[in-house]
Amino acid sequence: MNSARRSFSLLELLFVLALVAGLAALSMAGYSSLAQAAAVTTGADMLSDALTEGRASAVAQNTTVEVRIYDLPPHPGAIPVYDALQLHWLKADGTTPPVTRPTLLPAWVVIDATAAHSPLIAANHVSDVRLNSDTRVFHFLPDGSTDLNPATNWFLTVRAATQSDPAHFPSNWACVQVDPTTGRAQIYRP
């Protein structure tokens, strides 16, 4: 009997390896966009939770709570991107002790600083000389409302950090809207 062994040629092995590499590359692109979308959703949830906590603290303690939205630049001179938020009590003696630790958004997302995308960032410049000029501030009042103008829609748009063209609305985003009258935060996600 003649027992001939059949094996794969080098060309066949290279073809299979190229096919596997191509499929891996396609799946990584899909995974990256999926991870980015999850980070945007997580960032919006974190903002909404922090704002809800600020409102609840103002009502529970019958005092004003200041919401500070920070620009934490990756290096000096960088374009401002807002990626942190912290709540502070506004005490009668003028002190502002923190209610919470700073809430930092996930690394892949920022709060869009474009006026059309985030009116809360564009309109609320700080007048307190103790704070950085890029810090944005608004307040929850003891009745749960805010000091924001009720005639305006107030929201923050959370987007992927890689989408930085202000002329175009980001393709992957979530909005956190703050009702100025009730102080309630609501998330909108396409």
Protein backbone atom coordinates (compact mmCIF):
# COMPACT_ATOMS: atom_id res chain seq x y z
CA MET A 1 0.00 0.00 0.00
CA ASN A 2 1.08 3.43 -0.81
CA SER A 3 0.32 5.85 2.00
CA ALA A 4 0.84 9.36 0.69
CA ARG A 5 0.52 12.19 3.18
CA ARG A 6 -1.35 15.28 2.24
CA SER A 7 -0.08 18.54 3.77
CA PHE A 8 -0.61 22.24 3.25
CA SER A 9 1.69 24.18 0.98
CA LEU A 10 3.37 27.37 2.13
CA LEU A 11 1.15 29.37 -0.19
CA GLU A 12 -2.01 27.91 1.36
CA LEU A 13 -0.76 28.67 4.88
CA LEU A 14 0.07 32.27 3.94
CA PHE A 15 -3.37 32.71 2.40
CA VAL A 16 -5.09 31.48 5.58
CA LEU A 17 -2.91 33.71 7.78
CA ALA A 18 -3.73 36.75 5.61
CA LEU A 19 -7.43 35.93 5.84
CA VAL A 20 -7.26 35.63 9.64
CA ALA A 21 -5.32 38.92 9.89
CA GLY A 22 -7.91 40.69 7.74
CA LEU A 23 -10.78 39.43 9.89
CA ALA A 24 -8.94 40.46 13.06
CA ALA A 25 -8.43 43.99 11.68
CA LEU A 26 -12.11 44.31 10.81
CA SER A 27 -13.22 43.11 14.23
CA MET A 28 -10.83 45.52 16.01
CA ALA A 29 -12.34 48.51 14.16
CA GLY A 30 -15.79 47.40 15.27
CA TYR A 31 -14.62 46.86 18.83
CA SER A 32 -13.03 50.31 18.95
CA SER A 33 -16.24 52.09 17.92
CA LEU A 34 -18.25 49.95 20.32
CA ALA A 35 -15.91 50.79 23.20
CA GLN A 36 -16.07 54.48 22.28
CA ALA A 37 -19.88 54.43 22.25
CA ALA A 38 -19.91 52.73 25.65
CA ALA A 39 -17.54 55.40 27.01
CA VAL A 40 -19.84 58.20 25.73
CA THR A 41 -22.84 56.55 27.41
CA THR A 42 -20.86 56.08 30.63
CA GLY A 43 -19.75 59.74 30.56
CA ALA A 44 -23.34 60.95 30.11
CA ASP A 45 -24.51 58.69 32.95
CA MET A 46 -21.74 60.02 35.21
CA LEU A 47 -22.70 63.65 34.48
CA SER A 48 -26.39 62.96 35.02
CA ASP A 49 -25.69 61.14 38.29
CA ALA A 50 -23.47 63.98 39.58
CA LEU A 51 -26.09 66.61 38.68
CA THR A 52 -28.84 64.56 40.33
CA GLU A 53 -26.67 64.26 43.45
CA GLY A 54 -26.08 68.03 43.45
CA ARG A 55 -29.79 68.75 43.25
CA ALA A 56 -30.59 66.22 45.98
CA SER A 57 -27.86 67.65 48.24
CA ALA A 58 -29.19 71.19 47.80
CA VAL A 59 -32.72 70.11 48.74
CA ALA A 60 -31.65 67.83 51.61
CA GLN A 61 -29.33 70.36 53.23
CA ASN A 62 -31.49 73.41 52.36
CA THR A 63 -28.48 75.21 50.91
CA THR A 64 -27.09 76.18 47.52
CA VAL A 65 -24.83 73.72 45.74
CA GLU A 66 -22.39 75.02 43.15
CA VAL A 67 -21.67 72.83 40.11
CA ARG A 68 -18.20 73.40 38.68
CA ILE A 69 -17.29 72.04 35.26
CA TYR A 70 -13.55 71.95 34.75
CA ASP A 71 -11.20 72.08 31.82
CA LEU A 72 -8.32 69.77 32.68
CA PRO A 73 -5.87 70.33 29.82
CA PRO A 74 -3.59 67.42 28.97
CA HIS A 75 -0.72 69.90 28.65
CA PRO A 76 -0.28 73.70 29.00
CA GLY A 77 -1.59 75.66 26.03
CA ALA A 78 -3.91 72.89 24.81
CA ILE A 79 -7.39 73.69 23.51
CA PRO A 80 -9.87 73.60 26.41
CA VAL A 81 -11.85 70.39 26.72
CA TYR A 82 -14.15 69.93 29.66
CA ASP A 83 -13.80 66.55 31.27
CA ALA A 84 -14.44 66.94 35.01
CA LEU A 85 -17.19 68.12 37.33
CA GLN A 86 -17.32 68.77 41.07
CA LEU A 87 -20.04 69.84 43.51
CA HIS A 88 -19.41 72.46 46.23
CA TRP A 89 -21.53 73.79 49.08
CA LEU A 90 -22.04 77.58 49.08
CA LYS A 91 -21.80 78.42 52.78
CA ALA A 92 -23.07 81.67 54.35
CA ASP A 93 -19.53 82.57 55.43
CA GLY A 94 -18.39 82.55 51.78
CA THR A 95 -16.54 79.23 51.90
CA THR A 96 -17.16 76.57 49.27
CA PRO A 97 -16.21 73.16 50.67
CA PRO A 98 -16.55 70.26 48.25
CA VAL A 99 -19.62 68.05 48.47
CA THR A 100 -17.99 65.32 46.39
CA ARG A 101 -14.69 64.38 44.88
CA PRO A 102 -14.21 65.50 41.27
CA THR A 103 -16.04 63.34 38.73
CA LEU A 104 -13.66 62.62 35.86
CA LEU A 105 -15.13 61.47 32.58
CA PRO A 106 -13.73 58.34 30.91
CA ALA A 107 -10.52 58.97 28.98
CA TRP A 108 -12.14 58.62 25.56
CA VAL A 109 -14.82 61.32 26.08
CA VAL A 110 -15.10 65.05 26.77
CA ILE A 111 -17.85 67.63 27.13
CA ASP A 112 -18.10 69.50 23.84
CA ALA A 113 -17.20 73.18 24.34
CA THR A 114 -18.99 74.42 21.20
CA ALA A 115 -21.75 76.93 22.05
CA ALA A 116 -24.35 75.17 19.88
CA HIS A 117 -23.52 71.76 21.34
CA SER A 118 -23.20 72.69 25.04
CA PRO A 119 -24.88 75.95 26.09
CA LEU A 120 -24.00 75.25 29.74
CA ILE A 121 -20.31 75.51 28.80
CA ALA A 122 -20.65 78.44 26.40
CA ALA A 123 -22.79 80.73 28.56
CA ASN A 124 -21.53 80.23 32.10
CA HIS A 125 -18.24 82.02 32.44
CA VAL A 126 -16.92 82.21 35.96
CA SER A 127 -16.72 85.55 37.75
CA ASP A 128 -15.00 84.15 40.84
CA VAL A 129 -11.33 85.20 40.81
CA ARG A 130 -10.41 82.14 42.89
CA LEU A 131 -11.27 79.84 39.97
CA ASN A 132 -9.63 79.22 36.61
CA SER A 133 -11.22 81.29 33.83
CA ASP A 134 -12.04 78.07 31.95
CA THR A 135 -14.18 76.77 34.83
CA ARG A 136 -17.93 76.89 34.21
CA VAL A 137 -20.36 77.30 37.13
CA PHE A 138 -24.08 77.13 37.87
CA HIS A 139 -26.03 76.54 41.08
CA PHE A 140 -28.72 74.27 42.45
CA LEU A 141 -30.88 76.25 44.85
CA PRO A 142 -32.40 74.89 48.09
CA ASP A 143 -35.77 74.31 46.38
CA GLY A 144 -34.09 72.07 43.74
CA SER A 145 -34.23 74.60 40.92
CA THR A 146 -31.21 76.24 39.31
CA ASP A 147 -30.00 79.80 38.79
CA LEU A 148 -30.11 79.24 35.00
CA ASN A 149 -32.36 81.32 32.74
CA PRO A 150 -35.60 79.31 32.26
CA ALA A 151 -36.05 80.70 28.74
CA THR A 152 -33.03 78.73 27.47
CA ASN A 153 -32.44 75.03 26.84
CA TRP A 154 -29.47 74.08 29.02
CA PHE A 155 -27.52 70.97 28.13
CA LEU A 156 -24.07 69.43 27.87
CA THR A 157 -23.05 67.28 24.92
CA VAL A 158 -20.72 64.41 25.69
CA ARG A 159 -18.73 63.26 22.67
CA ALA A 160 -15.77 61.10 21.79
CA ALA A 161 -12.50 62.96 22.40
CA THR A 162 -11.38 62.20 18.85
CA GLN A 163 -14.31 64.11 17.30
CA SER A 164 -13.13 67.69 17.60
CA ASP A 165 -14.48 69.48 14.52
CA PRO A 166 -16.76 72.25 15.88
CA ALA A 167 -18.33 72.81 12.46
CA HIS A 168 -19.95 69.36 12.49
CA PHE A 169 -22.11 67.74 15.11
CA PRO A 170 -20.29 64.69 16.49
CA SER A 171 -21.41 61.34 15.13
CA ASN A 172 -21.25 59.64 18.52
CA TRP A 173 -22.78 61.74 21.29
CA ALA A 174 -25.15 62.03 24.23
CA CYS A 175 -26.79 65.12 25.70
CA VAL A 176 -27.45 65.74 29.37
CA GLN A 177 -30.18 68.34 29.67
CA VAL A 178 -30.78 70.30 32.88
CA ASP A 179 -34.28 71.70 33.39
CA PRO A 180 -33.66 75.16 34.93
CA THR A 181 -36.99 75.22 36.79
CA THR A 182 -36.94 71.76 38.39
CA GLY A 183 -33.18 71.10 38.29
CA ARG A 184 -33.74 67.59 36.96
CA ALA A 185 -31.19 66.10 34.56
CA GLN A 186 -32.22 63.95 31.61
CA ILE A 187 -30.07 62.06 29.09
CA TYR A 188 -30.77 62.04 25.36
CA ARG A 189 -28.92 59.50 23.23
CA PRO A 190 -29.47 58.83 19.50
